[in-house]
Amino acid sequence: ADTLVIGGKAVGAGQPVFVVAETANAHNGDFGQAKALVRAAADAGADAVKIQFIRADALVVKGHPRYAHFKKLEFYDEQWAELFRLAQSVGLPVLADVFDAAGVETLVRLGVAGLKLHASDTCHAALIRRVAETQLPVFLSAGGAFPDELECAIEQLRMNGPCPIVLMHGYQAYPTDDSDLHLRRLVTLKEHFNLPVGLQDHLDGASPKAMLAPQLALGLGLSVIEKHLTLDRAAKGIDYYSSLNPDEFHHMVRGIREAETLLGSPRLAMSEQERTYRQHVRKVVVAAKPIRSGELFRAERLTGKR
């Protein structure tokens, strides 16, 4: 399976889970909120922050009912540059959804640490090729994609890169139903494609299961958790459905790290404490009754005791 390094941290089998704070559109088009989200991601213990590098004209046709919505979410390149500098200052690499080749050029110039191919672009061959050519880590969304479409995208990424790939399981249904999460698919994706897998669960952010799902997924061998972050879910801004508040995100990260401790190592090796336990509890052979000098040892004369 692929292994990759983002912001100096190894991502893949045997490594700590890489936690991505997805800010998406939670800034509501307000650059001040975008900066606050980056700071909140760092404070909450995220390993990286992810943005959606949106240009409305590259995403939807002008007659699309959400064209004005996406137009409102655009920032100037100078603002994005400032956001990247802020992330760097708080120790967070920046990942980005990218929707067109021009966006790839800008993001590479800004120093993006990895690119995400959204479900919109699973079959967008030209964009896939351009993303591959950067040789940056690529997060490929598996949501809403058939296996043969993923095979094709992976093949194009490998032919035109090569670039390390993580398959991201999950999709946004504002929010996604619990019964439609199917965490066991993580195992299927990992085994079928022989790639690291990640979870983008999109469950209701107000539900306790939004905290539970990432911890359950740890036991299925995933490498990346991507979770939406908002400053205040109660305000019901853009992308609030599946978002955690900063304190909740921090609680989630802490729970993930605690769960990782419990999962431990797959190696069949003993710790010093286990060796001490073994010494204290393992029975040894002792006499079951007094044995006279010269007497033949028989099984009934022996037993096991601590």
Protein backbone atom coordinates (compact mmCIF):
# COMPACT_ATOMS: atom_id res chain seq x y z
CA ALA A 1 0.00 0.00 0.00
CA ASP A 2 1.07 3.58 -0.59
CA THR A 3 2.71 5.51 2.23
CA LEU A 4 2.99 9.26 2.28
CA VAL A 5 4.37 12.11 4.33
CA ILE A 6 2.40 15.28 5.03
CA GLY A 7 3.84 18.08 7.11
CA GLY A 8 6.62 15.80 8.28
CA LYS A 9 4.19 13.14 9.53
CA ALA A 10 4.05 9.66 8.02
CA VAL A 11 0.58 8.54 6.94
CA GLY A 12 -0.28 4.90 6.31
CA ALA A 13 -0.21 1.44 7.85
CA GLY A 14 1.25 1.34 11.34
CA GLN A 15 1.22 5.13 11.73
CA PRO A 16 -0.97 7.29 14.00
CA VAL A 17 -4.24 8.27 12.34
CA PHE A 18 -3.87 11.55 10.46
CA VAL A 19 -6.69 13.91 11.51
CA VAL A 20 -7.83 16.50 8.97
CA ALA A 21 -10.01 19.46 9.94
CA GLU A 22 -12.26 20.11 6.94
CA THR A 23 -13.23 23.79 6.98
CA ALA A 24 -14.99 23.53 3.59
CA ASN A 25 -17.49 26.40 3.38
CA ALA A 26 -17.99 26.93 7.11
CA HIS A 27 -16.42 30.39 6.74
CA ASN A 28 -19.61 31.52 4.91
CA GLY A 29 -17.49 33.65 2.59
CA ASP A 30 -16.10 35.66 5.53
CA PHE A 31 -12.30 35.72 5.43
CA GLY A 32 -12.09 36.53 9.14
CA GLN A 33 -14.02 33.35 9.89
CA ALA A 34 -11.73 31.39 7.57
CA LYS A 35 -8.73 32.50 9.62
CA ALA A 36 -10.54 31.71 12.87
CA LEU A 37 -11.22 28.20 11.58
CA VAL A 38 -7.52 27.62 10.91
CA ARG A 39 -6.64 28.68 14.45
CA ALA A 40 -9.43 26.52 15.85
CA ALA A 41 -8.16 23.51 13.89
CA ALA A 42 -4.69 23.93 15.38
CA ASP A 43 -6.04 24.39 18.91
CA ALA A 44 -8.24 21.31 18.54
CA GLY A 45 -5.28 19.06 17.72
CA ALA A 46 -5.77 18.52 13.99
CA ASP A 47 -2.78 17.30 11.94
CA ALA A 48 -3.83 19.34 8.89
CA VAL A 49 -6.48 21.79 7.76
CA LYS A 50 -8.39 21.33 4.51
CA ILE A 51 -9.95 24.02 2.37
CA GLN A 52 -12.19 23.93 -0.67
CA PHE A 53 -10.54 26.07 -3.33
CA ILE A 54 -13.75 27.18 -4.97
CA ARG A 55 -14.17 29.12 -8.17
CA ALA A 56 -17.86 29.11 -9.04
CA ASP A 57 -17.20 29.18 -12.79
CA ALA A 58 -15.08 26.02 -12.53
CA LEU A 59 -17.63 24.17 -10.45
CA VAL A 60 -21.12 24.84 -11.82
CA VAL A 61 -22.82 26.28 -14.90
CA LYS A 62 -24.05 29.85 -14.50
CA GLY A 63 -27.65 28.69 -14.60
CA HIS A 64 -27.08 26.35 -11.64
CA PRO A 65 -29.30 27.24 -8.65
CA ARG A 66 -26.23 27.40 -6.38
CA TYR A 67 -24.04 29.51 -8.65
CA ALA A 68 -24.51 32.64 -6.54
CA HIS A 69 -23.93 30.58 -3.40
CA PHE A 70 -20.53 29.38 -4.63
CA LYS A 71 -19.64 32.83 -5.98
CA LYS A 72 -20.06 34.21 -2.48
CA LEU A 73 -17.53 31.70 -1.14
CA GLU A 74 -14.64 32.80 -3.36
CA PHE A 75 -11.56 34.47 -1.92
CA TYR A 76 -8.84 36.40 -3.75
CA ASP A 77 -5.51 34.64 -4.28
CA GLU A 78 -3.91 37.13 -1.87
CA GLN A 79 -6.35 36.06 0.82
CA TRP A 80 -5.61 32.39 0.22
CA ALA A 81 -1.90 33.19 0.49
CA GLU A 82 -2.52 34.88 3.84
CA LEU A 83 -4.47 31.83 5.02
CA PHE A 84 -1.61 29.52 4.02
CA ARG A 85 0.85 31.70 5.94
CA LEU A 86 -1.40 31.59 9.00
CA ALA A 87 -1.65 27.80 8.80
CA GLN A 88 2.12 27.54 8.51
CA SER A 89 2.55 29.77 11.56
CA VAL A 90 0.37 27.46 13.68
CA GLY A 91 2.05 24.31 12.35
CA LEU A 92 -0.69 23.00 10.07
CA PRO A 93 -0.13 21.78 6.50
CA VAL A 94 -2.93 22.79 4.12
CA LEU A 95 -4.84 20.28 2.00
CA ALA A 96 -7.32 21.40 -0.63
CA ASP A 97 -10.23 20.28 -2.75
CA VAL A 98 -9.46 21.48 -6.25
CA PHE A 99 -11.93 21.66 -9.13
CA ASP A 100 -9.92 22.90 -12.13
CA ALA A 101 -6.39 23.00 -13.56
CA ALA A 102 -5.96 26.73 -12.86
CA GLY A 103 -6.73 26.00 -9.23
CA VAL A 104 -4.01 23.34 -9.19
CA GLU A 105 -1.46 25.90 -10.40
CA THR A 106 -2.45 28.41 -7.72
CA LEU A 107 -2.46 25.86 -4.92
CA VAL A 108 0.95 24.47 -5.87
CA ARG A 109 2.32 28.00 -5.89
CA LEU A 110 0.85 28.59 -2.43
CA GLY A 111 2.54 25.46 -1.08
CA VAL A 112 -0.38 23.05 -0.70
CA ALA A 113 0.62 19.80 1.02
CA GLY A 114 -1.88 17.55 -0.75
CA LEU A 115 -4.82 17.69 -3.15
CA LYS A 116 -8.29 16.20 -2.84
CA LEU A 117 -10.23 14.97 -5.83
CA HIS A 118 -13.84 15.58 -4.89
CA ALA A 119 -16.62 13.19 -5.91
CA SER A 120 -17.42 15.81 -8.58
CA ASP A 121 -14.21 14.87 -10.40
CA THR A 122 -13.79 11.11 -10.01
CA CYS A 123 -14.10 10.78 -13.80
CA HIS A 124 -12.61 14.16 -14.79
CA ALA A 125 -9.62 12.74 -16.66
CA ALA A 126 -7.92 16.04 -17.53
CA LEU A 127 -8.02 17.26 -13.93
CA ILE A 128 -6.90 13.88 -12.60
CA ARG A 129 -3.87 13.97 -14.92
CA ARG A 130 -2.96 17.50 -13.85
CA VAL A 131 -3.28 16.63 -10.16
CA ALA A 132 -1.10 13.54 -10.70
CA GLU A 133 1.61 15.60 -12.38
CA THR A 134 2.15 17.57 -9.15
CA GLN A 135 3.25 14.27 -7.52
CA LEU A 136 1.66 15.55 -4.31
CA PRO A 137 -0.34 13.22 -2.05
CA VAL A 138 -3.84 12.76 -3.48
CA PHE A 139 -6.99 12.08 -1.50
CA LEU A 140 -9.46 10.40 -3.83
CA SER A 141 -13.10 10.48 -2.80
CA ALA A 142 -14.81 7.12 -3.13
CA GLY A 143 -18.24 8.56 -2.36
CA GLY A 144 -20.75 8.12 -5.17
CA ALA A 145 -18.22 6.22 -7.30
CA PHE A 146 -18.41 2.70 -8.73
CA PRO A 147 -15.34 0.46 -8.27
CA ASP A 148 -14.43 0.56 -11.98
CA GLU A 149 -14.47 4.38 -11.87
CA LEU A 150 -12.08 4.34 -8.93
CA GLU A 151 -9.86 1.82 -10.75
CA CYS A 152 -9.68 4.16 -13.72
CA ALA A 153 -8.90 7.23 -11.60
CA ILE A 154 -6.17 5.36 -9.69
CA GLU A 155 -4.64 4.13 -12.93
CA GLN A 156 -4.51 7.69 -14.31
CA LEU A 157 -2.97 8.99 -11.09
CA ARG A 158 -0.27 6.31 -11.23
CA MET A 159 0.46 6.76 -14.93
CA ASN A 160 0.77 10.54 -14.77
CA GLY A 161 2.39 10.94 -11.37
CA PRO A 162 3.20 8.82 -9.70
CA CYS A 163 1.66 10.20 -6.54
CA PRO A 164 0.73 8.58 -3.22
CA ILE A 165 -3.03 7.99 -2.94
CA VAL A 166 -5.49 7.72 -0.05
CA LEU A 167 -9.02 6.50 -0.76
CA MET A 168 -11.61 8.47 1.22
CA HIS A 169 -14.83 6.66 2.13
CA GLY A 170 -18.06 8.56 2.76
CA TYR A 171 -20.35 11.13 1.22
CA GLN A 172 -22.37 14.18 2.27
CA ALA A 173 -26.15 13.79 2.46
CA TYR A 174 -26.71 16.82 4.72
CA PRO A 175 -26.20 14.81 6.92
CA THR A 176 -25.56 11.18 5.98
CA ASP A 177 -27.84 8.62 7.67
CA ASP A 178 -26.24 6.36 10.26
CA SER A 179 -27.42 3.31 8.34
CA ASP A 180 -25.72 4.54 5.16
CA LEU A 181 -22.23 4.92 6.60
CA HIS A 182 -21.10 1.27 6.18
CA LEU A 183 -17.78 1.47 8.00
CA ARG A 184 -16.96 -2.12 6.96
CA ARG A 185 -16.46 -0.81 3.43
CA LEU A 186 -13.16 0.62 4.68
CA VAL A 187 -11.83 -2.94 4.87
CA THR A 188 -13.17 -3.76 1.40
CA LEU A 189 -11.62 -0.64 -0.15
CA LYS A 190 -8.28 -1.22 1.56
CA GLU A 191 -8.04 -4.86 0.50
CA HIS A 192 -9.40 -4.41 -3.03
CA PHE A 193 -7.26 -1.43 -4.01
CA ASN A 194 -4.28 -2.05 -1.68
CA LEU A 195 -4.26 1.62 -0.69
CA PRO A 196 -4.47 3.51 2.60
CA VAL A 197 -8.05 4.45 3.38
CA GLY A 198 -9.66 7.36 5.18
CA LEU A 199 -13.07 8.21 6.56
CA GLN A 200 -15.12 11.32 5.77
CA ASP A 201 -18.26 10.25 7.60
CA HIS A 202 -20.59 13.30 7.33
CA LEU A 203 -22.85 12.09 10.13
CA ASP A 204 -25.01 14.59 12.01
CA GLY A 205 -22.52 16.70 13.96
CA ALA A 206 -24.95 16.97 16.88
CA SER A 207 -25.17 13.18 17.27
CA PRO A 208 -22.93 11.27 19.71
CA LYS A 209 -22.30 8.87 16.81
CA ALA A 210 -20.30 11.60 15.08
CA MET A 211 -17.70 11.06 17.81
CA LEU A 212 -18.12 7.30 17.89
CA ALA A 213 -17.68 6.57 14.16
CA PRO A 214 -14.00 7.65 13.92
CA GLN A 215 -13.08 5.51 16.93
CA LEU A 216 -14.88 2.47 15.53
CA ALA A 217 -13.14 3.01 12.20
CA LEU A 218 -9.71 2.86 13.86
CA GLY A 219 -10.13 -0.85 14.39
CA LEU A 220 -10.77 -1.33 10.68
CA GLY A 221 -7.31 -0.12 9.73
CA LEU A 222 -7.89 3.36 8.41
CA SER A 223 -5.11 5.94 8.08
CA VAL A 224 -6.97 9.28 7.80
CA ILE A 225 -9.95 10.89 9.53
CA GLU A 226 -11.45 13.95 7.83
CA LYS A 227 -14.06 15.80 9.85
CA HIS A 228 -15.93 19.03 9.22
CA LEU A 229 -15.16 21.87 11.62
CA THR A 230 -17.32 24.92 12.26
CA LEU A 231 -17.05 27.78 14.73
CA ASP A 232 -20.67 27.46 15.90
CA ARG A 233 -22.97 24.71 14.65
CA ALA A 234 -25.99 26.35 16.32
CA ALA A 235 -25.65 29.31 13.94
CA LYS A 236 -26.60 26.90 11.11
CA GLY A 237 -24.25 28.46 8.59
CA ILE A 238 -22.94 26.75 5.47
CA ASP A 239 -21.84 23.12 5.98
CA TYR A 240 -23.02 23.02 9.59
CA TYR A 241 -24.87 19.68 9.17
CA SER A 242 -21.89 17.40 9.62
CA SER A 243 -19.61 19.78 11.49
CA LEU A 244 -18.19 19.65 14.98
CA ASN A 245 -17.65 22.73 17.12
CA PRO A 246 -14.01 23.36 18.13
CA ASP A 247 -14.42 21.87 21.61
CA GLU A 248 -16.12 18.79 20.13
CA PHE A 249 -13.36 18.41 17.55
CA HIS A 250 -10.78 18.55 20.33
CA HIS A 251 -12.74 15.89 22.24
CA MET A 252 -12.84 13.73 19.10
CA VAL A 253 -9.07 13.97 18.59
CA ARG A 254 -8.45 13.08 22.22
CA GLY A 255 -10.77 10.08 21.88
CA ILE A 256 -8.95 8.94 18.75
CA ARG A 257 -5.58 9.12 20.49
CA GLU A 258 -6.94 7.20 23.49
CA ALA A 259 -8.43 4.57 21.18
CA GLU A 260 -5.08 4.25 19.38
CA THR A 261 -3.44 3.52 22.72
CA LEU A 262 -5.98 0.76 23.34
CA LEU A 263 -5.50 -0.70 19.87
CA GLY A 264 -1.74 -0.78 20.38
CA SER A 265 0.52 -2.89 18.17
CA PRO A 266 -0.38 -6.01 16.14
CA ARG A 267 3.01 -7.56 16.97
CA LEU A 268 2.93 -10.67 19.16
CA ALA A 269 5.49 -9.32 21.60
CA MET A 270 5.45 -8.88 25.38
CA SER A 271 5.93 -5.65 27.26
CA GLU A 272 8.01 -5.62 30.46
CA GLN A 273 4.78 -5.47 32.46
CA GLU A 274 3.44 -8.56 30.70
CA ARG A 275 6.71 -10.40 31.32
CA THR A 276 6.47 -9.51 35.01
CA TYR A 277 2.86 -10.72 35.03
CA ARG A 278 4.01 -13.97 33.44
CA GLN A 279 6.63 -14.48 36.14
CA HIS A 280 4.11 -13.88 38.89
CA VAL A 281 1.25 -16.05 37.63
CA ARG A 282 2.88 -18.88 35.63
CA LYS A 283 2.83 -22.12 37.60
CA VAL A 284 5.98 -24.13 38.05
CA VAL A 285 6.49 -27.82 38.81
CA VAL A 286 6.55 -28.62 42.54
CA ALA A 287 6.18 -31.75 44.63
CA ALA A 288 2.57 -32.68 45.38
CA LYS A 289 3.75 -34.51 48.52
CA PRO A 290 7.13 -35.23 50.12
CA ILE A 291 9.45 -37.29 47.91
CA ARG A 292 12.04 -39.51 49.60
CA SER A 293 15.63 -39.66 48.43
CA GLY A 294 15.99 -42.33 45.76
CA GLU A 295 12.24 -42.60 45.15
CA LEU A 296 11.15 -42.90 41.50
CA PHE A 297 9.34 -39.75 40.32
CA ARG A 298 5.72 -40.42 39.30
CA ALA A 299 3.14 -38.00 37.85
CA GLU A 300 0.97 -38.20 40.99
CA ARG A 301 3.95 -36.97 43.03
CA LEU A 302 4.11 -33.71 41.00
CA THR A 303 1.83 -30.74 40.45
CA GLY A 304 1.90 -27.13 39.28
CA LYS A 305 1.71 -24.14 41.62
CA ARG A 306 2.82 -20.50 41.65
